[in-house]
């Protein structure tokens, strides 16, 4: 009988120690939250390629694509305002070590007799992100992009 009580006591002690409510340690984040804020301005060129400063391209459809490390992406479709711009298109990413973030703005339509020349883009490197925030922190990247539309006929 003494043997059974000893075994029962050891089992109770083991169960008590096993489920005593160990303190759970918080895991440190292994990413930085990057908030991308994209501003796009549309400029006009004459048919020879010289910039015009007298007119604004209002109503041009713009697609802004924000991509993390060539994979996860956020696409924002907007239309330019009376000043020929799109302000504050945002996307948020959890960026892990060695992952860059890219932002591309493309005019998906034309304005009067002006057609898009090329998209504009910028890249935020991992080194820039790492220098700006610690793991678990947040970094806001404000990127300004410029798209040109060229007059198709003289």
C-alpha atoms as a PDB file:
ATOM      1  CA  UNK A   1       0.000   0.000   0.000  1.00  0.00           C
ATOM      2  CA  UNK A   2       2.872   2.351   0.828  1.00  0.00           C
ATOM      3  CA  UNK A   3       4.238   1.747  -2.666  1.00  0.00           C
ATOM      4  CA  UNK A   4       0.930   2.779  -4.281  1.00  0.00           C
ATOM      5  CA  UNK A   5       0.748   5.975  -2.236  1.00  0.00           C
ATOM      6  CA  UNK A   6       4.337   6.870  -3.185  1.00  0.00           C
ATOM      7  CA  UNK A   7       3.638   6.260  -6.893  1.00  0.00           C
ATOM      8  CA  UNK A   8       0.392   8.250  -6.652  1.00  0.00           C
ATOM      9  CA  UNK A   9       2.258  11.082  -4.892  1.00  0.00           C
ATOM     10  CA  UNK A  10       4.975  11.167  -7.568  1.00  0.00           C
ATOM     11  CA  UNK A  11       2.321  11.201 -10.317  1.00  0.00           C
ATOM     12  CA  UNK A  12       0.432  14.059  -8.625  1.00  0.00           C
ATOM     13  CA  UNK A  13       3.667  15.990  -8.177  1.00  0.00           C
ATOM     14  CA  UNK A  14       4.537  15.471 -11.857  1.00  0.00           C
ATOM     15  CA  UNK A  15       1.064  16.561 -13.023  1.00  0.00           C
ATOM     16  CA  UNK A  16       1.135  19.579 -10.716  1.00  0.00           C
ATOM     17  CA  UNK A  17       4.512  20.711 -11.986  1.00  0.00           C
ATOM     18  CA  UNK A  18       3.628  20.016 -15.632  1.00  0.00           C
ATOM     19  CA  UNK A  19       0.449  22.091 -15.596  1.00  0.00           C
ATOM     20  CA  UNK A  20       1.483  24.772 -13.150  1.00  0.00           C
ATOM     21  CA  UNK A  21       0.832  27.623 -15.595  1.00  0.00           C
ATOM     22  CA  UNK A  22       4.234  28.296 -17.087  1.00  0.00           C
ATOM     23  CA  UNK A  23       4.744  31.842 -18.187  1.00  0.00           C
ATOM     24  CA  UNK A  24       4.467  32.145 -21.967  1.00  0.00           C
ATOM     25  CA  UNK A  25       7.232  34.272 -23.391  1.00  0.00           C
ATOM     26  CA  UNK A  26       6.305  36.722 -26.140  1.00  0.00           C
ATOM     27  CA  UNK A  27       7.873  36.001 -29.476  1.00  0.00           C
ATOM     28  CA  UNK A  28       9.761  38.861 -31.071  1.00  0.00           C
ATOM     29  CA  UNK A  29       8.385  39.954 -34.440  1.00  0.00           C
ATOM     30  CA  UNK A  30      10.525  39.003 -37.437  1.00  0.00           C
ATOM     31  CA  UNK A  31       9.063  41.577 -39.801  1.00  0.00           C
ATOM     32  CA  UNK A  32       8.646  45.336 -40.239  1.00  0.00           C
ATOM     33  CA  UNK A  33       5.267  46.724 -41.248  1.00  0.00           C
ATOM     34  CA  UNK A  34       5.680  48.982 -44.290  1.00  0.00           C
ATOM     35  CA  UNK A  35       2.892  51.382 -45.193  1.00  0.00           C
ATOM     36  CA  UNK A  36       3.239  52.581 -48.780  1.00  0.00           C
ATOM     37  CA  UNK A  37       1.662  55.958 -49.595  1.00  0.00           C
ATOM     38  CA  UNK A  38       1.810  56.697 -53.320  1.00  0.00           C
ATOM     39  CA  UNK A  39       1.314  60.116 -54.898  1.00  0.00           C
ATOM     40  CA  UNK A  40       1.181  60.296 -58.696  1.00  0.00           C
ATOM     41  CA  UNK A  41       1.395  63.359 -60.924  1.00  0.00           C
ATOM     42  CA  UNK A  42       0.583  63.263 -64.638  1.00  0.00           C
ATOM     43  CA  UNK A  43       2.467  65.648 -66.914  1.00  0.00           C
ATOM     44  CA  UNK A  44       1.801  66.462 -70.555  1.00  0.00           C
ATOM     45  CA  UNK A  45       4.303  66.586 -73.410  1.00  0.00           C
ATOM     46  CA  UNK A  46       3.806  68.167 -76.818  1.00  0.00           C
ATOM     47  CA  UNK A  47       4.180  65.957 -79.901  1.00  0.00           C
ATOM     48  CA  UNK A  48       7.944  66.681 -79.958  1.00  0.00           C
ATOM     49  CA  UNK A  49       8.345  65.574 -76.343  1.00  0.00           C
ATOM     50  CA  UNK A  50       8.651  68.973 -74.652  1.00  0.00           C
ATOM     51  CA  UNK A  51       6.823  69.446 -71.341  1.00  0.00           C
ATOM     52  CA  UNK A  52       3.656  71.536 -71.240  1.00  0.00           C
ATOM     53  CA  UNK A  53       2.906  73.533 -68.114  1.00  0.00           C
ATOM     54  CA  UNK A  54      -0.397  75.067 -69.149  1.00  0.00           C
ATOM     55  CA  UNK A  55      -2.778  72.127 -68.858  1.00  0.00           C
ATOM     56  CA  UNK A  56      -3.516  69.459 -66.277  1.00  0.00           C
ATOM     57  CA  UNK A  57      -4.564  65.945 -67.191  1.00  0.00           C
ATOM     58  CA  UNK A  58      -7.816  65.587 -65.264  1.00  0.00           C
ATOM     59  CA  UNK A  59      -9.696  62.280 -65.437  1.00  0.00           C
ATOM     60  CA  UNK A  60      -6.818  60.000 -66.474  1.00  0.00           C
ATOM     61  CA  UNK A  61      -7.252  56.469 -65.087  1.00  0.00           C
ATOM     62  CA  UNK A  62      -4.179  55.429 -63.099  1.00  0.00           C
ATOM     63  CA  UNK A  63      -3.302  51.983 -61.766  1.00  0.00           C
ATOM     64  CA  UNK A  64      -0.882  51.897 -58.839  1.00  0.00           C
ATOM     65  CA  UNK A  65       0.638  48.497 -58.106  1.00  0.00           C
ATOM     66  CA  UNK A  66       2.543  47.978 -54.854  1.00  0.00           C
ATOM     67  CA  UNK A  67       4.471  44.719 -54.654  1.00  0.00           C
ATOM     68  CA  UNK A  68       6.461  43.092 -51.847  1.00  0.00           C
ATOM     69  CA  UNK A  69       9.429  40.988 -52.997  1.00  0.00           C
ATOM     70  CA  UNK A  70       7.840  40.248 -56.366  1.00  0.00           C
ATOM     71  CA  UNK A  71       4.894  38.428 -54.777  1.00  0.00           C
ATOM     72  CA  UNK A  72       2.250  39.908 -52.493  1.00  0.00           C
ATOM     73  CA  UNK A  73       0.661  42.950 -54.104  1.00  0.00           C
ATOM     74  CA  UNK A  74      -1.893  45.679 -53.626  1.00  0.00           C
ATOM     75  CA  UNK A  75      -3.488  47.319 -56.674  1.00  0.00           C
ATOM     76  CA  UNK A  76      -5.206  50.695 -56.400  1.00  0.00           C
ATOM     77  CA  UNK A  77      -7.141  52.174 -59.322  1.00  0.00           C
ATOM     78  CA  UNK A  78      -7.793  55.912 -59.233  1.00  0.00           C
ATOM     79  CA  UNK A  79      -8.541  58.808 -61.584  1.00  0.00           C
ATOM     80  CA  UNK A  80      -6.514  62.007 -61.612  1.00  0.00           C
ATOM     81  CA  UNK A  81      -8.067  65.103 -60.057  1.00  0.00           C
ATOM     82  CA  UNK A  82      -8.264  68.640 -61.500  1.00  0.00           C
ATOM     83  CA  UNK A  83      -4.556  69.127 -60.776  1.00  0.00           C
ATOM     84  CA  UNK A  84      -3.624  65.981 -62.714  1.00  0.00           C
ATOM     85  CA  UNK A  85      -2.677  64.044 -59.607  1.00  0.00           C
ATOM     86  CA  UNK A  86      -3.598  61.099 -57.430  1.00  0.00           C
ATOM     87  CA  UNK A  87      -2.764  61.508 -53.759  1.00  0.00           C
ATOM     88  CA  UNK A  88      -2.539  59.044 -50.914  1.00  0.00           C
ATOM     89  CA  UNK A  89      -3.044  55.628 -52.498  1.00  0.00           C
ATOM     90  CA  UNK A  90      -1.980  53.222 -49.739  1.00  0.00           C
ATOM     91  CA  UNK A  91      -0.956  49.637 -49.211  1.00  0.00           C
ATOM     92  CA  UNK A  92       0.444  47.808 -46.159  1.00  0.00           C
ATOM     93  CA  UNK A  93       2.886  44.895 -46.074  1.00  0.00           C
ATOM     94  CA  UNK A  94       4.652  42.781 -43.465  1.00  0.00           C
ATOM     95  CA  UNK A  95       8.187  42.860 -44.836  1.00  0.00           C
ATOM     96  CA  UNK A  96      10.639  40.168 -43.769  1.00  0.00           C
ATOM     97  CA  UNK A  97      14.423  40.288 -44.024  1.00  0.00           C
ATOM     98  CA  UNK A  98      15.827  40.932 -47.519  1.00  0.00           C
ATOM     99  CA  UNK A  99      12.431  41.761 -49.074  1.00  0.00           C
ATOM    100  CA  UNK A 100      12.145  44.984 -51.120  1.00  0.00           C
ATOM    101  CA  UNK A 101       8.919  46.828 -51.906  1.00  0.00           C
ATOM    102  CA  UNK A 102       8.191  48.253 -55.370  1.00  0.00           C
ATOM    103  CA  UNK A 103       5.564  50.749 -56.463  1.00  0.00           C
ATOM    104  CA  UNK A 104       4.572  51.188 -60.129  1.00  0.00           C
ATOM    105  CA  UNK A 105       2.131  53.757 -61.513  1.00  0.00           C
ATOM    106  CA  UNK A 106       0.657  53.228 -64.969  1.00  0.00           C
ATOM    107  CA  UNK A 107      -1.754  55.372 -66.957  1.00  0.00           C
ATOM    108  CA  UNK A 108      -4.376  52.893 -68.162  1.00  0.00           C
ATOM    109  CA  UNK A 109      -6.078  55.398 -70.434  1.00  0.00           C
ATOM    110  CA  UNK A 110      -5.409  58.564 -72.373  1.00  0.00           C
ATOM    111  CA  UNK A 111      -6.304  62.229 -72.007  1.00  0.00           C
ATOM    112  CA  UNK A 112      -7.779  64.050 -75.031  1.00  0.00           C
ATOM    113  CA  UNK A 113      -5.179  63.425 -77.759  1.00  0.00           C
ATOM    114  CA  UNK A 114      -2.370  62.527 -75.335  1.00  0.00           C
ATOM    115  CA  UNK A 115      -1.235  58.920 -74.867  1.00  0.00           C
ATOM    116  CA  UNK A 116       0.860  57.405 -72.051  1.00  0.00           C
ATOM    117  CA  UNK A 117       4.607  57.270 -72.659  1.00  0.00           C
ATOM    118  CA  UNK A 118       5.723  54.812 -69.952  1.00  0.00           C
ATOM    119  CA  UNK A 119       4.912  53.859 -66.378  1.00  0.00           C
ATOM    120  CA  UNK A 120       6.994  55.198 -63.493  1.00  0.00           C
ATOM    121  CA  UNK A 121       8.245  53.154 -60.558  1.00  0.00           C
ATOM    122  CA  UNK A 122      10.400  53.261 -57.454  1.00  0.00           C
ATOM    123  CA  UNK A 123      11.819  50.574 -55.184  1.00  0.00           C
ATOM    124  CA  UNK A 124      12.304  50.602 -51.429  1.00  0.00           C
ATOM    125  CA  UNK A 125      15.224  48.314 -50.606  1.00  0.00           C
ATOM    126  CA  UNK A 126      15.467  46.108 -47.549  1.00  0.00           C
ATOM    127  CA  UNK A 127      18.482  48.168 -46.420  1.00  0.00           C
ATOM    128  CA  UNK A 128      16.340  51.338 -46.400  1.00  0.00           C
ATOM    129  CA  UNK A 129      13.559  49.587 -44.479  1.00  0.00           C
ATOM    130  CA  UNK A 130      15.959  48.072 -41.945  1.00  0.00           C
ATOM    131  CA  UNK A 131      17.653  51.430 -41.345  1.00  0.00           C
ATOM    132  CA  UNK A 132      14.301  53.173 -40.808  1.00  0.00           C
ATOM    133  CA  UNK A 133      12.591  50.784 -38.351  1.00  0.00           C
ATOM    134  CA  UNK A 134      13.248  47.894 -35.990  1.00  0.00           C
ATOM    135  CA  UNK A 135      11.603  44.490 -36.230  1.00  0.00           C
ATOM    136  CA  UNK A 136       8.045  44.780 -34.983  1.00  0.00           C
ATOM    137  CA  UNK A 137       7.968  48.473 -35.927  1.00  0.00           C
ATOM    138  CA  UNK A 138       6.270  50.390 -38.711  1.00  0.00           C
ATOM    139  CA  UNK A 139       7.777  52.455 -41.515  1.00  0.00           C
ATOM    140  CA  UNK A 140       5.752  54.718 -43.804  1.00  0.00           C
ATOM    141  CA  UNK A 141       7.205  55.088 -47.282  1.00  0.00           C
ATOM    142  CA  UNK A 142       5.827  58.032 -49.227  1.00  0.00           C
ATOM    143  CA  UNK A 143       6.662  57.594 -52.891  1.00  0.00           C
ATOM    144  CA  UNK A 144       6.097  60.244 -55.571  1.00  0.00           C
ATOM    145  CA  UNK A 145       5.743  59.022 -59.136  1.00  0.00           C
ATOM    146  CA  UNK A 146       5.483  60.998 -62.384  1.00  0.00           C
ATOM    147  CA  UNK A 147       3.758  59.757 -65.533  1.00  0.00           C
ATOM    148  CA  UNK A 148       3.979  61.565 -68.856  1.00  0.00           C
ATOM    149  CA  UNK A 149       1.392  61.666 -71.606  1.00  0.00           C
ATOM    150  CA  UNK A 150       2.557  62.728 -75.047  1.00  0.00           C
ATOM    151  CA  UNK A 151       0.459  64.467 -77.688  1.00  0.00           C
ATOM    152  CA  UNK A 152      -0.161  62.020 -80.500  1.00  0.00           C
ATOM    153  CA  UNK A 153      -0.513  64.591 -83.331  1.00  0.00           C
ATOM    154  CA  UNK A 154       0.790  68.127 -83.969  1.00  0.00           C
END
